[in-house]
Protein backbone atom coordinates (compact mmCIF):
# COMPACT_ATOMS: atom_id res chain seq x y z
CA UNK A 1 -0.10 -0.20 0.08
CA UNK A 2 2.42 2.48 1.08
CA UNK A 3 5.15 1.06 -1.06
CA UNK A 4 5.40 3.82 -3.49
CA UNK A 5 5.36 6.19 -1.11
CA UNK A 6 8.28 4.93 0.65
CA UNK A 7 10.04 4.65 -2.94
CA UNK A 8 9.44 8.27 -3.50
CA UNK A 9 10.89 9.01 -0.13
CA UNK A 10 14.04 7.04 -0.99
CA UNK A 11 14.20 8.81 -4.55
CA UNK A 12 14.33 12.22 -2.73
CA UNK A 13 16.77 11.43 -0.09
CA UNK A 14 19.15 9.83 -2.57
CA UNK A 15 18.55 12.21 -5.46
CA UNK A 16 17.36 15.52 -4.41
CA UNK A 17 19.17 15.52 -1.00
CA UNK A 18 22.08 14.82 -2.32
CA UNK A 19 22.53 11.48 -0.40
CA UNK A 20 25.52 9.45 -1.92
CA UNK A 21 25.70 6.50 -0.09
CA UNK A 22 23.88 4.52 2.53
CA UNK A 23 25.45 6.33 5.20
CA UNK A 24 24.30 9.87 4.07
CA UNK A 25 20.76 8.22 3.69
CA UNK A 26 20.89 6.82 7.04
CA UNK A 27 21.95 10.17 8.50
CA UNK A 28 19.49 12.18 6.70
CA UNK A 29 16.65 9.69 7.67
CA UNK A 30 17.76 9.91 11.45
CA UNK A 31 17.78 13.64 11.42
CA UNK A 32 14.08 13.26 10.00
CA UNK A 33 12.99 10.81 12.62
CA UNK A 34 14.47 12.79 15.31
CA UNK A 35 12.66 16.04 14.05
CA UNK A 36 9.41 14.40 13.94
CA UNK A 37 9.79 13.01 17.25
CA UNK A 38 10.71 16.63 18.49
CA UNK A 39 7.65 18.05 16.98
CA UNK A 40 5.62 15.28 18.35
CA UNK A 41 6.88 16.06 21.89
CA UNK A 42 6.24 19.86 21.47
CA UNK A 43 2.41 19.03 20.39
CA UNK A 44 1.88 16.51 23.22
CA UNK A 45 3.09 19.36 25.72
CA UNK A 46 0.71 21.83 23.91
CA UNK A 47 -2.15 19.65 24.39
CA UNK A 48 -1.42 18.73 27.99
CA UNK A 49 -1.32 22.34 28.61
CA UNK A 50 -4.44 23.05 26.71
CA UNK A 51 -6.33 20.27 28.64
CA UNK A 52 -5.06 21.93 32.03
CA UNK A 53 -6.37 25.23 30.77
CA UNK A 54 -9.74 23.72 29.81
CA UNK A 55 -9.95 22.00 33.29
CA UNK A 56 -9.33 25.29 35.07
CA UNK A 57 -11.94 27.29 32.90
CA UNK A 58 -14.45 24.39 33.37
CA UNK A 59 -13.90 24.60 37.23
CA UNK A 60 -14.19 28.36 37.16
CA UNK A 61 -17.52 28.34 35.02
CA UNK A 62 -18.90 25.78 37.75
CA UNK A 63 -17.66 28.15 40.39
CA UNK A 64 -19.46 31.20 39.08
CA UNK A 65 -22.61 29.00 38.29
CA UNK A 66 -22.68 28.08 42.01
CA UNK A 67 -22.27 31.71 43.32
CA UNK A 68 -25.14 32.92 41.12
CA UNK A 69 -22.88 35.23 38.87
CA UNK A 70 -24.41 34.25 35.51
CA UNK A 71 -27.92 35.98 35.99
CA UNK A 72 -29.12 38.78 38.17
CA UNK A 73 -30.33 37.83 41.20
CA UNK A 74 -34.04 38.53 42.16
CA UNK A 75 -34.22 40.49 45.51
CA UNK A 76 -37.63 38.68 45.94
CA UNK A 77 -36.04 35.04 45.80
CA UNK A 78 -35.99 33.27 48.98
CA UNK A 79 -32.59 32.70 50.52
CA UNK A 80 -31.15 29.27 49.98
CA UNK A 81 -30.92 28.39 53.66
CA UNK A 82 -34.66 28.95 54.08
CA UNK A 83 -35.46 27.08 51.03
CA UNK A 84 -33.46 24.23 52.58
CA UNK A 85 -35.31 24.58 56.04
CA UNK A 86 -38.63 24.35 54.46
CA UNK A 87 -37.82 21.59 52.31
CA UNK A 88 -36.83 19.66 55.22
CA UNK A 89 -39.86 20.58 57.37
CA UNK A 90 -42.08 19.69 54.48
CA UNK A 91 -40.06 16.13 53.98
CA UNK A 92 -40.60 15.56 57.75
CA UNK A 93 -44.14 16.35 57.63
CA UNK A 94 -44.55 13.82 54.75
CA UNK A 95 -42.99 11.25 56.61
CA UNK A 96 -45.34 11.57 59.84
CA UNK A 97 -48.26 11.42 57.37
CA UNK A 98 -47.18 8.16 56.04
CA UNK A 99 -46.86 6.70 59.73
């Protein structure tokens, strides 16, 4: 499947890059592979940094959402503490009714 591609690369390295013997060819190929390796390391580093940045952004968004910073607060809304207390009382009342 890739035989022709490899042959083209060989032709380029031997003819166009000035490789006069197998040693030159191996040296050129080693340099290319090393550069590809360095490029892959740099990409991996960038991806890792981007993932960390996304996680920090996600946490920041969640914090702002829980703090109620995304929408204006209605002054007439019941405070969360009172709402939770009312829910607990209602739950207890329903449990007593079941008995």
